[in-house]
Amino acid sequence: MKNLAICATFVFLAACGPKPDAEEPAPTPPPDTGPPPKPQIDVPPLSTYDWIKTANILMGRPEEKASIEAMLGDFYMGLPNFMTVLAMATKDRSAGLRDNPAYLSDIWTEYLSMMGRSQDDPPTALDEFDLGMCKYAIFRAWKIENPHSGVDGYDDAITTVQYGE
């Protein structure tokens, strides 16, 4: 019985282990660095979008132009893949807007509004875009610059143009 008490005492003391010194600070958690950075995804250079001039679309008003060009350089802003859809509605159909040009900034804003999205949460994958909604956004942006036109649809707001390859 005495041996059992001695063994129990050693087991108890071993389980308790050494006590930390009062001077040792408690370990701190690592600093929160936020979410991991998104991987860099290459986008076409700005020069590949020269065709929008033929489509009678301007990048943006002077105060918006730098912002639009920056968005075209960032995949996660959604605009680079939107330009592919915009090309389907214009360049691939040899179509351009009549009369006063529309602004790409207005087309993008109209598209996001109609899709219930925002600049903070834009669609980025190509399959998230809708060609029909893109055409309607083009028409709505064109209508902003041509408010007195009797045209009431995309197909009536466009004309045939020749794009250089």
Protein backbone atom coordinates (compact mmCIF):
# COMPACT_ATOMS: atom_id res chain seq x y z
CA MET A 1 0.00 0.00 0.00
CA LYS A 2 2.89 2.29 0.84
CA ASN A 3 4.40 1.58 -2.60
CA LEU A 4 1.07 2.43 -4.22
CA ALA A 5 0.93 5.80 -2.41
CA ILE A 6 4.51 6.63 -3.44
CA CYS A 7 3.79 5.72 -7.09
CA ALA A 8 0.62 7.80 -7.10
CA THR A 9 2.54 10.78 -5.71
CA PHE A 10 5.19 10.54 -8.48
CA VAL A 11 2.54 10.24 -11.17
CA PHE A 12 0.70 13.26 -9.74
CA LEU A 13 3.88 15.38 -9.62
CA ALA A 14 4.87 14.35 -13.15
CA ALA A 15 1.43 15.27 -14.48
CA CYS A 16 1.61 18.74 -13.01
CA GLY A 17 4.91 19.51 -14.76
CA PRO A 18 7.05 22.54 -14.21
CA LYS A 19 5.31 25.83 -13.62
CA PRO A 20 6.17 28.71 -15.99
CA ASP A 21 8.18 31.55 -14.51
CA ALA A 22 6.14 34.58 -13.63
CA GLU A 23 8.45 36.70 -15.81
CA GLU A 24 7.75 34.75 -19.01
CA PRO A 25 5.14 36.50 -21.18
CA ALA A 26 2.29 34.45 -22.48
CA PRO A 27 2.64 33.58 -26.18
CA THR A 28 0.82 35.98 -28.51
CA PRO A 29 -1.09 34.89 -31.60
CA PRO A 30 0.49 35.80 -34.94
CA PRO A 31 -0.71 39.11 -36.40
CA ASP A 32 -3.73 38.92 -38.69
CA THR A 33 -2.53 39.64 -42.22
CA GLY A 34 -5.98 39.46 -43.75
CA PRO A 35 -7.01 37.23 -46.63
CA PRO A 36 -4.28 35.84 -48.82
CA PRO A 37 -3.52 37.97 -51.88
CA LYS A 38 -5.30 37.06 -55.10
CA PRO A 39 -3.09 35.55 -57.78
CA GLN A 40 -2.10 37.82 -60.65
CA ILE A 41 -4.08 37.05 -63.80
CA ASP A 42 -2.77 38.60 -66.99
CA VAL A 43 -5.14 40.69 -69.08
CA PRO A 44 -4.76 41.98 -72.64
CA PRO A 45 -2.94 45.30 -73.04
CA LEU A 46 -4.98 48.47 -73.54
CA SER A 47 -3.98 48.62 -77.20
CA THR A 48 -6.14 45.55 -77.90
CA TYR A 49 -9.23 47.62 -77.14
CA ASP A 50 -8.70 50.13 -79.96
CA TRP A 51 -11.70 48.60 -81.74
CA ILE A 52 -14.12 50.39 -79.37
CA LYS A 53 -13.43 53.65 -81.23
CA THR A 54 -14.77 52.00 -84.39
CA ALA A 55 -17.82 50.89 -82.39
CA ASN A 56 -18.33 54.59 -81.50
CA ILE A 57 -17.64 53.96 -77.81
CA LEU A 58 -15.31 56.18 -75.80
CA MET A 59 -13.43 54.92 -72.72
CA GLY A 60 -14.97 57.52 -70.43
CA ARG A 61 -15.28 61.18 -69.76
CA PRO A 62 -11.91 62.89 -69.17
CA GLU A 63 -12.21 62.51 -65.39
CA GLU A 64 -13.13 58.78 -65.72
CA LYS A 65 -10.64 57.71 -68.37
CA ALA A 66 -7.74 56.88 -66.02
CA SER A 67 -10.05 54.89 -63.75
CA ILE A 68 -11.46 52.87 -66.66
CA GLU A 69 -7.98 52.15 -68.00
CA ALA A 70 -6.88 50.97 -64.54
CA MET A 71 -9.92 48.68 -64.35
CA LEU A 72 -9.04 47.23 -67.76
CA GLY A 73 -5.65 46.29 -66.34
CA ASP A 74 -7.09 44.38 -63.37
CA PHE A 75 -8.83 41.06 -64.00
CA TYR A 76 -10.64 41.23 -60.65
CA MET A 77 -12.45 44.44 -61.65
CA GLY A 78 -14.46 42.42 -64.19
CA LEU A 79 -14.02 44.82 -67.09
CA PRO A 80 -11.48 42.75 -69.09
CA ASN A 81 -13.91 39.85 -69.55
CA PHE A 82 -16.80 42.27 -70.07
CA MET A 83 -14.86 43.65 -73.05
CA THR A 84 -14.98 40.17 -74.61
CA VAL A 85 -18.78 40.23 -74.33
CA LEU A 86 -18.89 43.82 -75.58
CA ALA A 87 -16.88 42.71 -78.62
CA MET A 88 -19.48 40.00 -79.27
CA ALA A 89 -22.18 42.66 -79.38
CA THR A 90 -20.24 45.07 -81.61
CA LYS A 91 -16.99 44.00 -83.26
CA ASP A 92 -18.01 40.39 -83.99
CA ARG A 93 -21.25 41.65 -85.59
CA SER A 94 -19.54 44.50 -87.49
CA ALA A 95 -21.80 46.86 -85.58
CA GLY A 96 -21.17 50.34 -84.27
CA LEU A 97 -23.33 52.92 -82.55
CA ARG A 98 -25.02 55.66 -84.55
CA ASP A 99 -24.80 59.37 -83.82
CA ASN A 100 -23.18 60.45 -80.53
CA PRO A 101 -20.82 57.91 -78.94
CA ALA A 102 -21.58 56.10 -75.70
CA TYR A 103 -19.06 55.89 -72.86
CA LEU A 104 -17.64 52.57 -71.73
CA SER A 105 -17.90 53.81 -68.14
CA ASP A 106 -21.68 54.31 -68.61
CA ILE A 107 -22.09 50.93 -70.31
CA TRP A 108 -20.27 49.20 -67.43
CA THR A 109 -22.25 51.10 -64.79
CA GLU A 110 -25.55 50.30 -66.52
CA TYR A 111 -24.60 46.64 -66.87
CA LEU A 112 -23.66 46.29 -63.19
CA SER A 113 -26.86 48.05 -62.17
CA MET A 114 -29.06 45.77 -64.28
CA MET A 115 -27.29 42.67 -62.96
CA GLY A 116 -27.67 43.80 -59.35
CA ARG A 117 -23.89 43.96 -58.88
CA SER A 118 -21.54 46.73 -57.80
CA GLN A 119 -17.99 47.91 -58.45
CA ASP A 120 -17.03 46.12 -55.23
CA ASP A 121 -18.49 42.79 -56.40
CA PRO A 122 -18.27 42.69 -60.20
CA PRO A 123 -18.68 39.54 -62.26
CA THR A 124 -15.26 38.31 -63.35
CA ALA A 125 -15.73 34.90 -64.99
CA LEU A 126 -16.78 34.95 -68.63
CA ASP A 127 -19.76 32.70 -67.95
CA GLU A 128 -21.16 35.26 -65.48
CA PHE A 129 -21.86 37.76 -68.27
CA ASP A 130 -25.06 37.95 -70.31
CA LEU A 131 -24.85 39.12 -73.93
CA GLY A 132 -28.47 40.28 -74.03
CA MET A 133 -28.00 42.39 -70.91
CA CYS A 134 -24.77 43.75 -72.37
CA LYS A 135 -26.62 44.90 -75.50
CA TYR A 136 -29.27 46.56 -73.38
CA ALA A 137 -26.59 48.28 -71.27
CA ILE A 138 -24.98 49.55 -74.49
CA PHE A 139 -28.35 50.90 -75.63
CA ARG A 140 -29.07 52.57 -72.28
CA ALA A 141 -25.63 54.22 -72.22
CA TRP A 142 -26.09 55.32 -75.83
CA LYS A 143 -29.50 56.77 -74.94
CA ILE A 144 -27.85 58.92 -72.24
CA GLU A 145 -25.84 60.65 -74.98
CA ASN A 146 -28.71 60.66 -77.50
CA PRO A 147 -31.73 61.54 -75.33
CA HIS A 148 -33.82 63.03 -78.15
CA SER A 149 -33.52 60.03 -80.43
CA GLY A 150 -36.70 58.12 -81.16
CA VAL A 151 -34.74 54.85 -81.19
CA ASP A 152 -36.02 52.41 -78.61
CA GLY A 153 -33.74 49.39 -78.92
CA TYR A 154 -30.18 48.23 -79.45
CA ASP A 155 -30.72 46.97 -82.99
CA ASP A 156 -32.00 50.38 -84.09
CA ALA A 157 -29.12 52.22 -82.38
CA ILE A 158 -26.41 50.42 -84.35
CA THR A 159 -25.14 50.62 -87.89
CA THR A 160 -22.77 48.47 -89.94
CA VAL A 161 -19.11 49.44 -89.63
CA GLN A 162 -15.84 47.90 -90.83
CA TYR A 163 -13.33 46.85 -88.20
CA GLY A 164 -9.68 46.59 -89.16
CA GLU A 165 -8.08 43.30 -88.27
